[in-house]
């Protein structure tokens, strides 16, 4: 446990940021899971709608530094290929 006042503050701030990052990451995983489920079901309209939502969340997560920008680009590319193969 830190004794210095600024170190105590850093612990509190990092806990808040960690909680916020986990929230964004969890929402991203949920969105990806829904998109993959729509693909597996073969529902074109739902998959297209969920694709837009998922790509938006990927971009926001990459912008916030929650995931690496190349990882976001790779996932978007794979999701685009999967959606196009469905149609």
N, C-alpha and C. Protein backbone atom coordinates (compact mmCIF):
# COMPACT_ATOMS: atom_id res chain seq x y z
N UNK A 1 0.85 -1.19 0.00
CA UNK A 1 0.00 0.00 0.00
C UNK A 1 0.89 1.24 0.00
N UNK A 2 0.59 2.21 -0.86
CA UNK A 2 1.44 3.40 -0.93
C UNK A 2 1.26 4.31 0.28
N UNK A 3 2.34 4.98 0.64
CA UNK A 3 2.32 5.92 1.77
C UNK A 3 2.25 7.36 1.30
N UNK A 4 2.75 7.63 0.11
CA UNK A 4 2.79 8.99 -0.41
C UNK A 4 1.43 9.35 -1.00
N UNK A 5 1.04 10.61 -0.76
CA UNK A 5 -0.29 11.06 -1.17
C UNK A 5 -0.53 10.92 -2.67
N UNK A 6 0.45 11.30 -3.48
CA UNK A 6 0.28 11.22 -4.93
C UNK A 6 0.20 9.77 -5.40
N UNK A 7 0.92 8.87 -4.73
CA UNK A 7 0.86 7.46 -5.09
C UNK A 7 -0.50 6.87 -4.75
N UNK A 8 -1.07 7.31 -3.63
CA UNK A 8 -2.42 6.86 -3.25
C UNK A 8 -3.43 7.30 -4.31
N UNK A 9 -3.26 8.55 -4.78
CA UNK A 9 -4.18 9.07 -5.80
C UNK A 9 -4.04 8.27 -7.10
N UNK A 10 -2.82 7.94 -7.48
CA UNK A 10 -2.59 7.17 -8.70
C UNK A 10 -3.28 5.81 -8.63
N UNK A 11 -3.27 5.19 -7.45
CA UNK A 11 -3.94 3.90 -7.27
C UNK A 11 -5.44 4.05 -7.53
N UNK A 12 -6.03 5.10 -6.96
CA UNK A 12 -7.46 5.33 -7.15
C UNK A 12 -7.79 5.61 -8.61
N UNK A 13 -6.98 6.45 -9.25
CA UNK A 13 -7.22 6.81 -10.65
C UNK A 13 -7.08 5.59 -11.55
N UNK A 14 -6.05 4.79 -11.30
CA UNK A 14 -5.84 3.61 -12.15
C UNK A 14 -6.96 2.58 -11.96
N UNK A 15 -7.51 2.47 -10.76
CA UNK A 15 -8.64 1.57 -10.54
C UNK A 15 -9.86 2.02 -11.33
N UNK A 16 -10.11 3.34 -11.34
CA UNK A 16 -11.24 3.88 -12.11
C UNK A 16 -11.06 3.62 -13.59
N UNK A 17 -9.85 3.88 -14.09
CA UNK A 17 -9.58 3.69 -15.51
C UNK A 17 -9.68 2.22 -15.88
N UNK A 18 -9.20 1.34 -15.01
CA UNK A 18 -9.27 -0.09 -15.26
C UNK A 18 -10.72 -0.55 -15.35
N UNK A 19 -11.56 -0.04 -14.47
CA UNK A 19 -12.98 -0.39 -14.47
C UNK A 19 -13.65 0.09 -15.77
N UNK A 20 -13.31 1.31 -16.18
CA UNK A 20 -13.90 1.87 -17.40
C UNK A 20 -13.45 1.07 -18.62
N UNK A 21 -12.17 0.71 -18.68
CA UNK A 21 -11.66 -0.06 -19.80
C UNK A 21 -12.30 -1.44 -19.86
N UNK A 22 -12.50 -2.07 -18.70
CA UNK A 22 -13.17 -3.38 -18.68
C UNK A 22 -14.59 -3.27 -19.18
N UNK A 23 -15.26 -2.16 -18.85
CA UNK A 23 -16.63 -1.94 -19.30
C UNK A 23 -16.69 -1.87 -20.83
N UNK A 24 -15.80 -1.06 -21.42
CA UNK A 24 -15.77 -0.94 -22.88
C UNK A 24 -15.42 -2.26 -23.54
N UNK A 25 -14.45 -2.97 -22.97
CA UNK A 25 -14.02 -4.23 -23.56
C UNK A 25 -15.12 -5.28 -23.48
N UNK A 26 -15.85 -5.30 -22.37
CA UNK A 26 -16.95 -6.24 -22.21
C UNK A 26 -18.06 -5.96 -23.22
N UNK A 27 -18.38 -4.68 -23.42
CA UNK A 27 -19.40 -4.31 -24.40
C UNK A 27 -18.96 -4.71 -25.81
N UNK A 28 -17.67 -4.55 -26.08
CA UNK A 28 -17.13 -4.94 -27.39
C UNK A 28 -17.26 -6.44 -27.60
N UNK A 29 -16.90 -7.24 -26.59
CA UNK A 29 -16.99 -8.69 -26.71
C UNK A 29 -18.44 -9.14 -26.90
N UNK A 30 -19.37 -8.47 -26.21
CA UNK A 30 -20.78 -8.80 -26.35
C UNK A 30 -21.26 -8.52 -27.77
N UNK A 31 -20.84 -7.38 -28.31
CA UNK A 31 -21.22 -7.01 -29.67
C UNK A 31 -20.67 -8.00 -30.68
N UNK A 32 -19.42 -8.41 -30.50
CA UNK A 32 -18.80 -9.39 -31.40
C UNK A 32 -19.53 -10.72 -31.33
N UNK A 33 -19.90 -11.13 -30.11
CA UNK A 33 -20.60 -12.39 -29.91
C UNK A 33 -21.97 -12.38 -30.62
N UNK A 34 -22.69 -11.26 -30.52
CA UNK A 34 -23.99 -11.14 -31.18
C UNK A 34 -23.83 -11.19 -32.70
N UNK A 35 -22.79 -10.52 -33.22
CA UNK A 35 -22.55 -10.51 -34.66
C UNK A 35 -22.24 -11.92 -35.16
N UNK A 36 -21.39 -12.65 -34.45
CA UNK A 36 -21.05 -14.01 -34.85
C UNK A 36 -22.27 -14.93 -34.78
N UNK A 37 -23.13 -14.70 -33.81
CA UNK A 37 -24.35 -15.51 -33.70
C UNK A 37 -25.27 -15.25 -34.89
N UNK A 38 -25.38 -13.99 -35.32
CA UNK A 38 -26.21 -13.65 -36.47
C UNK A 38 -25.63 -14.27 -37.75
N UNK A 39 -24.30 -14.30 -37.85
CA UNK A 39 -23.66 -14.93 -39.00
C UNK A 39 -23.96 -16.43 -39.03
N UNK A 40 -23.84 -17.06 -37.86
CA UNK A 40 -24.08 -18.50 -37.77
C UNK A 40 -25.54 -18.84 -38.12
N UNK A 41 -26.45 -17.95 -37.75
CA UNK A 41 -27.86 -18.17 -38.04
C UNK A 41 -28.18 -17.90 -39.51
N UNK A 42 -27.29 -17.17 -40.19
CA UNK A 42 -27.51 -16.87 -41.60
C UNK A 42 -28.47 -15.71 -41.83
N UNK A 43 -28.67 -14.89 -40.81
CA UNK A 43 -29.58 -13.74 -40.91
C UNK A 43 -28.83 -12.54 -41.47
N UNK A 44 -29.03 -12.24 -42.76
CA UNK A 44 -28.27 -11.18 -43.44
C UNK A 44 -28.56 -9.80 -42.86
N UNK A 45 -29.84 -9.49 -42.65
CA UNK A 45 -30.21 -8.15 -42.18
C UNK A 45 -29.68 -7.88 -40.78
N UNK A 46 -29.87 -8.82 -39.89
CA UNK A 46 -29.39 -8.65 -38.52
C UNK A 46 -27.87 -8.59 -38.49
N UNK A 47 -27.22 -9.40 -39.30
CA UNK A 47 -25.76 -9.41 -39.35
C UNK A 47 -25.23 -8.08 -39.86
N UNK A 48 -25.88 -7.50 -40.86
CA UNK A 48 -25.44 -6.22 -41.40
C UNK A 48 -25.58 -5.11 -40.36
N UNK A 49 -26.69 -5.13 -39.63
CA UNK A 49 -26.91 -4.13 -38.58
C UNK A 49 -25.89 -4.29 -37.46
N UNK A 50 -25.68 -5.53 -37.02
CA UNK A 50 -24.72 -5.79 -35.95
C UNK A 50 -23.29 -5.53 -36.41
N UNK A 51 -23.03 -5.70 -37.70
CA UNK A 51 -21.70 -5.40 -38.25
C UNK A 51 -21.37 -3.93 -38.05
N UNK A 52 -22.32 -3.05 -38.39
CA UNK A 52 -22.09 -1.61 -38.23
C UNK A 52 -21.82 -1.26 -36.77
N UNK A 53 -22.61 -1.83 -35.88
CA UNK A 53 -22.44 -1.57 -34.45
C UNK A 53 -21.08 -2.07 -33.95
N UNK A 54 -20.71 -3.26 -34.39
CA UNK A 54 -19.45 -3.87 -33.94
C UNK A 54 -18.25 -3.09 -34.45
N UNK A 55 -18.29 -2.67 -35.70
CA UNK A 55 -17.18 -1.89 -36.27
C UNK A 55 -17.04 -0.56 -35.53
N UNK A 56 -18.15 0.05 -35.20
CA UNK A 56 -18.12 1.31 -34.47
C UNK A 56 -17.47 1.12 -33.10
N UNK A 57 -17.84 0.05 -32.42
CA UNK A 57 -17.26 -0.22 -31.10
C UNK A 57 -15.78 -0.56 -31.20
N UNK A 58 -15.39 -1.28 -32.26
CA UNK A 58 -13.98 -1.58 -32.47
C UNK A 58 -13.18 -0.30 -32.67
N UNK A 59 -13.71 0.61 -33.47
CA UNK A 59 -13.01 1.87 -33.73
C UNK A 59 -12.87 2.70 -32.45
N UNK A 60 -13.93 2.73 -31.67
CA UNK A 60 -13.88 3.49 -30.41
C UNK A 60 -12.88 2.86 -29.43
N UNK A 61 -12.86 1.54 -29.36
CA UNK A 61 -11.93 0.86 -28.46
C UNK A 61 -10.49 1.11 -28.89
N UNK A 62 -10.24 1.11 -30.19
CA UNK A 62 -8.89 1.38 -30.70
C UNK A 62 -8.50 2.82 -30.42
N UNK A 63 -9.43 3.74 -30.56
CA UNK A 63 -9.15 5.15 -30.32
C UNK A 63 -8.84 5.40 -28.84
N UNK A 64 -9.51 4.66 -27.96
CA UNK A 64 -9.29 4.83 -26.52
C UNK A 64 -8.06 4.06 -26.04
N UNK A 65 -7.49 3.23 -26.90
CA UNK A 65 -6.30 2.48 -26.50
C UNK A 65 -6.63 1.20 -25.77
N UNK A 66 -7.87 0.75 -25.84
CA UNK A 66 -8.26 -0.47 -25.14
C UNK A 66 -7.77 -1.69 -25.90
N UNK A 67 -7.82 -1.62 -27.24
CA UNK A 67 -7.20 -2.65 -28.07
C UNK A 67 -6.28 -1.95 -29.06
N UNK A 68 -5.33 -2.66 -29.59
CA UNK A 68 -4.38 -2.09 -30.56
C UNK A 68 -5.08 -1.79 -31.87
N UNK A 69 -4.66 -0.74 -32.55
CA UNK A 69 -5.33 -0.34 -33.80
C UNK A 69 -5.20 -1.41 -34.87
N UNK A 70 -4.10 -2.15 -34.90
CA UNK A 70 -3.95 -3.21 -35.89
C UNK A 70 -4.87 -4.39 -35.58
N UNK A 71 -5.09 -4.65 -34.30
CA UNK A 71 -6.02 -5.72 -33.91
C UNK A 71 -7.44 -5.34 -34.33
N UNK A 72 -7.79 -4.06 -34.16
CA UNK A 72 -9.11 -3.60 -34.58
C UNK A 72 -9.25 -3.72 -36.10
N UNK A 73 -8.22 -3.35 -36.84
CA UNK A 73 -8.26 -3.43 -38.29
C UNK A 73 -8.38 -4.87 -38.75
N UNK A 74 -7.67 -5.77 -38.09
CA UNK A 74 -7.72 -7.20 -38.45
C UNK A 74 -9.12 -7.76 -38.21
N UNK A 75 -9.70 -7.43 -37.06
CA UNK A 75 -11.04 -7.92 -36.75
C UNK A 75 -12.07 -7.36 -37.74
N UNK A 76 -11.97 -6.08 -38.08
CA UNK A 76 -12.90 -5.48 -39.03
C UNK A 76 -12.78 -6.16 -40.39
N UNK A 77 -11.57 -6.45 -40.80
CA UNK A 77 -11.35 -7.11 -42.08
C UNK A 77 -11.99 -8.50 -42.09
N UNK A 78 -11.76 -9.26 -41.02
CA UNK A 78 -12.34 -10.60 -40.93
C UNK A 78 -13.86 -10.56 -40.89
N UNK A 79 -14.42 -9.58 -40.18
CA UNK A 79 -15.87 -9.48 -40.09
C UNK A 79 -16.46 -9.08 -41.45
N UNK A 80 -15.76 -8.21 -42.18
CA UNK A 80 -16.22 -7.81 -43.50
C UNK A 80 -16.24 -8.99 -44.45
N UNK A 81 -15.18 -9.79 -44.42
CA UNK A 81 -15.11 -10.99 -45.27
C UNK A 81 -16.26 -11.95 -44.92
N UNK A 82 -16.50 -12.14 -43.63
CA UNK A 82 -17.54 -13.06 -43.21
C UNK A 82 -18.91 -12.56 -43.65
N UNK A 83 -19.15 -11.25 -43.52
CA UNK A 83 -20.44 -10.69 -43.94
C UNK A 83 -20.63 -10.78 -45.44
N UNK A 84 -19.57 -10.53 -46.19
CA UNK A 84 -19.66 -10.61 -47.66
C UNK A 84 -19.87 -12.04 -48.15
N UNK A 85 -19.28 -12.99 -47.46
CA UNK A 85 -19.46 -14.39 -47.86
C UNK A 85 -20.89 -14.87 -47.58
N UNK A 86 -21.55 -14.21 -46.62
CA UNK A 86 -22.94 -14.54 -46.30
C UNK A 86 -23.88 -14.07 -47.41
N UNK A 87 -23.54 -12.96 -48.03
CA UNK A 87 -24.43 -12.35 -49.04
C UNK A 87 -24.18 -12.80 -50.43
